[in-house]
Every structure is written in structure tokens, then in C-alpha cells.
């Protein structure tokens, strides 16, 4: 969503929010997770009462893609999520405990906080 357009039409900016604290995937972390490269965003914490918590995201998960768009690094994820309107349904590809899966149920973004 274009920030300037939202400000003009709505008077405020509204954007998606997952409710996670993320960190980069270092080379050492990538190796420990069995990843070939350092792509993705490592979840270090999940906020209580957040869309991520309700969807089952956990600390230690590595978010690899959103709706099929690759998360190249930890700085990419907030930009991707921020493009969605609050309430939008999204699918995350997540690495957890060595297994990669796309969420079975939609992950829902919430209001920007």
C-alpha cells in the first residue's frame, strides 16, 4: 500500500502486523538449522495476543516466504507484511525443527502497533 495515498484518502496509515520479534539468520544458525543459505527471518519472540501467536508461530521458527514471496533476510519480512492490509490472510512457509511446511490455515495480519 502506498503510504502517501493512504494519508490522502484515509488520513492515517494502516498496515499488516504479525507480532514477532525477528533476527537475521547467520551462517552458523543456517548451518544448525540445516539451511543451505542465510535467507529467512528467525523468530526470536512472539507477542502475546498477536496474529502470529494465534496461528501457532513459535520462537525458533524461520520464516522463509510469505504467499510464495521469498524472505531474503530479516529486513525483508517487515516490508512484505507491511504491504498487507489489516485482516488480510497470508500463508507463511516456515522451517521448524528441521521440517519446512506452509501453514495449513491462513496466518492473519493484524493492525499495526
N, C-alpha and C. Protein backbone atom coordinates (compact mmCIF):
# COMPACT_ATOMS: atom_id res chain seq x y z
N UNK A 1 0.84 -1.18 0.00
CA UNK A 1 0.00 0.00 0.00
C UNK A 1 0.88 1.24 0.00
N UNK A 2 0.46 2.20 -0.72
CA UNK A 2 1.22 3.43 -0.80
C UNK A 2 0.88 4.33 0.38
N UNK A 3 1.89 4.68 1.14
CA UNK A 3 1.70 5.49 2.35
C UNK A 3 1.08 6.84 2.02
N UNK A 4 1.58 7.51 0.99
CA UNK A 4 1.06 8.83 0.63
C UNK A 4 -0.42 8.74 0.24
N UNK A 5 -0.79 7.72 -0.53
CA UNK A 5 -2.18 7.55 -0.92
C UNK A 5 -3.08 7.32 0.29
N UNK A 6 -2.61 6.50 1.24
CA UNK A 6 -3.40 6.25 2.45
C UNK A 6 -3.58 7.52 3.26
N UNK A 7 -2.52 8.30 3.37
CA UNK A 7 -2.62 9.54 4.13
C UNK A 7 -3.62 10.50 3.48
N UNK A 8 -3.58 10.57 2.15
CA UNK A 8 -4.50 11.45 1.43
C UNK A 8 -5.95 11.00 1.56
N UNK A 9 -6.17 9.71 1.40
CA UNK A 9 -7.55 9.22 1.38
C UNK A 9 -8.11 8.89 2.76
N UNK A 10 -7.29 8.39 3.66
CA UNK A 10 -7.76 7.94 4.97
C UNK A 10 -7.34 8.84 6.13
N UNK A 11 -6.27 9.61 5.92
CA UNK A 11 -5.76 10.46 6.98
C UNK A 11 -4.84 9.75 7.96
N UNK A 12 -4.60 8.48 7.74
CA UNK A 12 -3.68 7.69 8.56
C UNK A 12 -3.19 6.50 7.74
N UNK A 13 -2.17 5.83 8.26
CA UNK A 13 -1.60 4.67 7.58
C UNK A 13 -1.98 3.42 8.36
N UNK A 14 -2.46 2.43 7.66
CA UNK A 14 -2.82 1.14 8.25
C UNK A 14 -2.06 0.06 7.51
N UNK A 15 -1.40 -0.83 8.27
CA UNK A 15 -0.60 -1.85 7.62
C UNK A 15 -0.61 -3.13 8.44
N UNK A 16 -0.22 -4.21 7.80
CA UNK A 16 -0.21 -5.51 8.44
C UNK A 16 0.83 -5.61 9.55
N UNK A 17 0.57 -6.53 10.48
CA UNK A 17 1.44 -6.75 11.63
C UNK A 17 1.29 -8.21 12.04
N UNK A 18 2.41 -8.88 12.28
CA UNK A 18 2.36 -10.26 12.73
C UNK A 18 2.51 -10.39 14.23
N UNK A 19 3.34 -9.54 14.83
CA UNK A 19 3.57 -9.63 16.25
C UNK A 19 4.72 -10.55 16.60
N UNK A 20 5.81 -10.45 15.84
CA UNK A 20 7.00 -11.24 16.12
C UNK A 20 8.22 -10.34 16.23
N UNK A 21 9.18 -10.79 17.03
CA UNK A 21 10.50 -10.17 17.06
C UNK A 21 11.38 -11.10 16.24
N UNK A 22 12.11 -10.53 15.29
CA UNK A 22 12.92 -11.35 14.39
C UNK A 22 14.38 -10.95 14.45
N UNK A 23 15.22 -11.84 13.98
CA UNK A 23 16.65 -11.57 13.89
C UNK A 23 17.18 -12.22 12.62
N UNK A 24 18.34 -11.78 12.17
CA UNK A 24 18.93 -12.37 10.97
C UNK A 24 19.31 -13.84 11.18
N UNK A 25 19.35 -14.56 10.09
CA UNK A 25 19.84 -15.94 10.11
C UNK A 25 21.32 -15.87 9.73
N UNK A 26 22.19 -16.04 10.71
CA UNK A 26 23.63 -16.01 10.46
C UNK A 26 24.06 -17.31 9.78
N UNK A 27 25.28 -17.33 9.31
CA UNK A 27 25.80 -18.54 8.67
C UNK A 27 25.79 -19.71 9.65
N UNK A 28 26.21 -19.45 10.88
CA UNK A 28 26.22 -20.51 11.90
C UNK A 28 24.82 -21.02 12.19
N UNK A 29 23.85 -20.10 12.31
CA UNK A 29 22.47 -20.51 12.55
C UNK A 29 21.93 -21.29 11.36
N UNK A 30 22.20 -20.83 10.16
CA UNK A 30 21.74 -21.52 8.96
C UNK A 30 22.25 -22.96 8.96
N UNK A 31 23.51 -23.14 9.27
CA UNK A 31 24.07 -24.49 9.32
C UNK A 31 23.39 -25.33 10.39
N UNK A 32 23.14 -24.75 11.56
CA UNK A 32 22.50 -25.51 12.63
C UNK A 32 21.06 -25.90 12.30
N UNK A 33 20.38 -25.09 11.47
CA UNK A 33 19.02 -25.38 11.05
C UNK A 33 18.97 -26.28 9.82
N UNK A 34 20.14 -26.53 9.20
CA UNK A 34 20.18 -27.33 8.00
C UNK A 34 19.82 -26.58 6.75
N UNK A 35 19.95 -25.25 6.80
CA UNK A 35 19.67 -24.41 5.63
C UNK A 35 20.91 -24.28 4.77
N UNK A 36 20.71 -24.16 3.47
CA UNK A 36 21.82 -24.00 2.53
C UNK A 36 22.38 -22.59 2.52
N UNK A 37 21.57 -21.62 2.97
CA UNK A 37 22.00 -20.22 2.94
C UNK A 37 21.40 -19.47 4.13
N UNK A 38 21.64 -18.19 4.20
CA UNK A 38 21.20 -17.38 5.34
C UNK A 38 19.88 -16.65 5.08
N UNK A 39 19.11 -17.14 4.13
CA UNK A 39 17.83 -16.49 3.83
C UNK A 39 16.80 -16.81 4.89
N UNK A 40 15.85 -15.89 5.06
CA UNK A 40 14.78 -16.08 6.02
C UNK A 40 14.91 -15.14 7.19
N UNK A 41 13.93 -15.19 8.07
CA UNK A 41 13.91 -14.37 9.28
C UNK A 41 13.65 -15.29 10.46
N UNK A 42 14.56 -15.29 11.41
CA UNK A 42 14.45 -16.13 12.60
C UNK A 42 13.56 -15.45 13.63
N UNK A 43 12.54 -16.14 14.08
CA UNK A 43 11.63 -15.61 15.09
C UNK A 43 12.29 -15.83 16.46
N UNK A 44 12.56 -14.72 17.16
CA UNK A 44 13.16 -14.84 18.49
C UNK A 44 12.12 -14.68 19.60
N UNK A 45 10.97 -14.09 19.28
CA UNK A 45 9.89 -13.95 20.26
C UNK A 45 8.57 -13.71 19.53
N UNK A 46 7.50 -14.16 20.16
CA UNK A 46 6.16 -13.98 19.62
C UNK A 46 5.34 -13.22 20.67
N UNK A 47 4.75 -12.12 20.27
CA UNK A 47 3.95 -11.30 21.18
C UNK A 47 2.67 -12.02 21.58
N UNK A 48 2.32 -11.88 22.86
CA UNK A 48 1.05 -12.44 23.34
C UNK A 48 -0.10 -11.75 22.60
N UNK A 49 -1.15 -12.47 22.39
CA UNK A 49 -2.35 -11.94 21.76
C UNK A 49 -2.11 -11.37 20.36
N UNK A 50 -1.12 -11.91 19.66
CA UNK A 50 -0.81 -11.44 18.31
C UNK A 50 -1.34 -12.43 17.28
N UNK A 51 -1.46 -12.00 16.02
CA UNK A 51 -1.85 -12.93 14.96
C UNK A 51 -0.87 -14.11 14.86
N UNK A 52 0.42 -13.86 15.05
CA UNK A 52 1.41 -14.94 14.98
C UNK A 52 1.19 -15.96 16.09
N UNK A 53 0.92 -15.49 17.29
CA UNK A 53 0.68 -16.38 18.43
C UNK A 53 -0.56 -17.22 18.19
N UNK A 54 -1.63 -16.58 17.73
CA UNK A 54 -2.88 -17.29 17.47
C UNK A 54 -2.70 -18.34 16.37
N UNK A 55 -1.80 -18.08 15.43
CA UNK A 55 -1.57 -19.00 14.33
C UNK A 55 -0.57 -20.10 14.69
N UNK A 56 0.06 -20.00 15.86
CA UNK A 56 0.96 -21.06 16.30
C UNK A 56 2.43 -20.85 16.00
N UNK A 57 2.81 -19.66 15.58
CA UNK A 57 4.22 -19.38 15.33
C UNK A 57 4.97 -19.41 16.65
N UNK A 58 6.21 -19.94 16.64
CA UNK A 58 6.99 -20.08 17.87
C UNK A 58 8.39 -19.52 17.70
N UNK A 59 9.00 -19.13 18.83
CA UNK A 59 10.40 -18.73 18.81
C UNK A 59 11.21 -19.90 18.28
N UNK A 60 12.17 -19.59 17.42
CA UNK A 60 12.98 -20.63 16.79
C UNK A 60 12.53 -20.98 15.38
N UNK A 61 11.31 -20.56 15.00
CA UNK A 61 10.85 -20.77 13.62
C UNK A 61 11.62 -19.84 12.70
N UNK A 62 11.84 -20.28 11.49
CA UNK A 62 12.45 -19.43 10.47
C UNK A 62 11.41 -19.23 9.38
N UNK A 63 11.01 -17.97 9.17
CA UNK A 63 10.04 -17.64 8.13
C UNK A 63 10.80 -17.51 6.82
N UNK A 64 10.45 -18.37 5.86
CA UNK A 64 11.16 -18.42 4.58
C UNK A 64 10.44 -17.69 3.46
N UNK A 65 9.10 -17.66 3.51
CA UNK A 65 8.36 -16.94 2.47
C UNK A 65 6.98 -16.55 2.97
N UNK A 66 6.41 -15.55 2.30
CA UNK A 66 5.06 -15.06 2.57
C UNK A 66 4.30 -15.09 1.25
N UNK A 67 3.25 -15.88 1.20
CA UNK A 67 2.47 -16.03 -0.04
C UNK A 67 3.36 -16.35 -1.23
N UNK A 68 4.40 -17.13 -0.99
CA UNK A 68 5.30 -17.54 -2.07
C UNK A 68 6.43 -16.57 -2.35
N UNK A 69 6.41 -15.39 -1.76
CA UNK A 69 7.49 -14.42 -1.95
C UNK A 69 8.58 -14.69 -0.92
N UNK A 70 9.80 -14.90 -1.40
CA UNK A 70 10.91 -15.25 -0.53
C UNK A 70 11.23 -14.14 0.46
N UNK A 71 11.55 -14.54 1.68
CA UNK A 71 12.05 -13.62 2.70
C UNK A 71 13.57 -13.73 2.62
N UNK A 72 14.19 -12.78 1.93
CA UNK A 72 15.63 -12.84 1.69
C UNK A 72 16.44 -12.69 2.96
N UNK A 73 15.96 -11.85 3.87
CA UNK A 73 16.65 -11.64 5.15
C UNK A 73 15.66 -11.03 6.13
N UNK A 74 16.12 -10.78 7.34
CA UNK A 74 15.21 -10.31 8.38
C UNK A 74 14.65 -8.91 8.11
N UNK A 75 15.32 -8.13 7.27
CA UNK A 75 14.79 -6.80 6.95
C UNK A 75 13.68 -6.87 5.90
N UNK A 76 13.61 -7.97 5.18
CA UNK A 76 12.59 -8.13 4.14
C UNK A 76 11.22 -8.41 4.72
N UNK A 77 11.16 -9.19 5.80
CA UNK A 77 9.86 -9.60 6.34
C UNK A 77 8.96 -8.43 6.73
N UNK A 78 9.42 -7.45 7.50
CA UNK A 78 8.52 -6.34 7.86
C UNK A 78 7.98 -5.59 6.64
N UNK A 79 8.81 -5.45 5.60
CA UNK A 79 8.34 -4.76 4.39
C UNK A 79 7.26 -5.56 3.68
N UNK A 80 7.43 -6.88 3.63
CA UNK A 80 6.43 -7.72 2.97
C UNK A 80 5.12 -7.68 3.75
N UNK A 81 5.19 -7.89 5.06
CA UNK A 81 3.99 -7.92 5.90
C UNK A 81 3.30 -6.55 5.89
N UNK A 82 4.08 -5.48 5.92
CA UNK A 82 3.52 -4.13 5.93
C UNK A 82 2.72 -3.77 4.70
N UNK A 83 2.90 -4.50 3.62
CA UNK A 83 2.14 -4.24 2.39
C UNK A 83 0.72 -4.77 2.46
N UNK A 84 0.46 -5.66 3.41
CA UNK A 84 -0.87 -6.23 3.54
C UNK A 84 -1.74 -5.35 4.43
N UNK A 85 -3.00 -5.29 4.10
CA UNK A 85 -3.96 -4.56 4.93
C UNK A 85 -4.28 -5.39 6.17
N UNK A 86 -4.57 -4.75 7.28
CA UNK A 86 -5.00 -5.49 8.46
C UNK A 86 -6.18 -6.40 8.11
N UNK A 87 -6.11 -7.63 8.60
CA UNK A 87 -7.15 -8.60 8.32
C UNK A 87 -6.89 -9.46 7.11
N UNK A 88 -5.87 -9.14 6.32
CA UNK A 88 -5.55 -9.94 5.14
C UNK A 88 -5.08 -11.33 5.57
N UNK A 89 -5.45 -12.34 4.81
CA UNK A 89 -5.00 -13.69 5.07
C UNK A 89 -3.73 -13.94 4.27
N UNK A 90 -2.73 -14.51 4.94
CA UNK A 90 -1.47 -14.81 4.27
C UNK A 90 -1.04 -16.22 4.63
N UNK A 91 -0.16 -16.78 3.82
CA UNK A 91 0.42 -18.10 4.08
C UNK A 91 1.92 -17.93 4.24
N UNK A 92 2.43 -18.52 5.30
CA UNK A 92 3.85 -18.47 5.57
C UNK A 92 4.47 -19.83 5.35
N UNK A 93 5.65 -19.85 4.72
CA UNK A 93 6.45 -21.06 4.65
C UNK A 93 7.45 -20.95 5.79
N UNK A 94 7.41 -21.91 6.70
CA UNK A 94 8.18 -21.83 7.94
C UNK A 94 9.02 -23.09 8.11
N UNK A 95 10.25 -22.90 8.56
CA UNK A 95 11.12 -24.01 8.95
C UNK A 95 11.03 -24.15 10.45
N UNK A 96 10.66 -25.35 10.91
CA UNK A 96 10.57 -25.63 12.35
C UNK A 96 11.12 -27.03 12.59
N UNK A 97 12.07 -27.11 13.48
CA UNK A 97 12.64 -28.41 13.87
C UNK A 97 13.09 -29.21 12.66
N UNK A 98 13.69 -28.54 11.67
CA UNK A 98 14.23 -29.22 10.51
C UNK A 98 13.24 -29.51 9.40
N UNK A 99 11.97 -29.25 9.63
CA UNK A 99 10.94 -29.51 8.62
C UNK A 99 10.40 -28.19 8.09
N UNK A 100 10.20 -28.14 6.78
CA UNK A 100 9.64 -26.96 6.14
C UNK A 100 8.19 -27.26 5.78
N UNK A 101 7.31 -26.35 6.14
CA UNK A 101 5.90 -26.52 5.81
C UNK A 101 5.25 -25.17 5.57
N UNK A 102 4.24 -25.17 4.74
CA UNK A 102 3.41 -23.98 4.57
C UNK A 102 2.26 -24.13 5.54
N UNK A 103 1.94 -23.07 6.22
CA UNK A 103 0.89 -23.13 7.23
C UNK A 103 -0.38 -23.72 6.62
N UNK A 104 -1.02 -24.59 7.37
CA UNK A 104 -2.24 -25.24 6.90
C UNK A 104 -3.42 -24.29 6.92
N UNK A 105 -3.46 -23.41 7.90
CA UNK A 105 -4.52 -22.42 7.96
C UNK A 105 -3.91 -21.05 7.74
N UNK A 106 -4.70 -20.11 7.27
CA UNK A 106 -4.15 -18.78 6.97
C UNK A 106 -3.59 -18.10 8.22
N UNK A 107 -2.50 -17.41 8.05
CA UNK A 107 -1.95 -16.55 9.09
C UNK A 107 -2.56 -15.19 8.83
N UNK A 108 -3.10 -14.58 9.82
CA UNK A 108 -3.84 -13.34 9.61
C UNK A 108 -3.05 -12.18 10.18
N UNK A 109 -2.85 -11.15 9.37
CA UNK A 109 -2.17 -9.96 9.85
C UNK A 109 -3.13 -9.13 10.68
N UNK A 110 -2.60 -8.39 11.58
CA UNK A 110 -3.43 -7.57 12.45
C UNK A 110 -3.11 -6.10 12.29
N UNK A 111 -3.70 -5.26 13.10
CA UNK A 111 -3.44 -3.82 12.99
C UNK A 111 -1.99 -3.50 13.36
N UNK A 112 -1.46 -2.52 12.69
CA UNK A 112 -0.11 -2.08 13.00
C UNK A 112 -0.07 -1.54 14.41
N UNK A 113 0.97 -1.88 15.15
CA UNK A 113 1.08 -1.40 16.53
C UNK A 113 2.31 -0.57 16.68
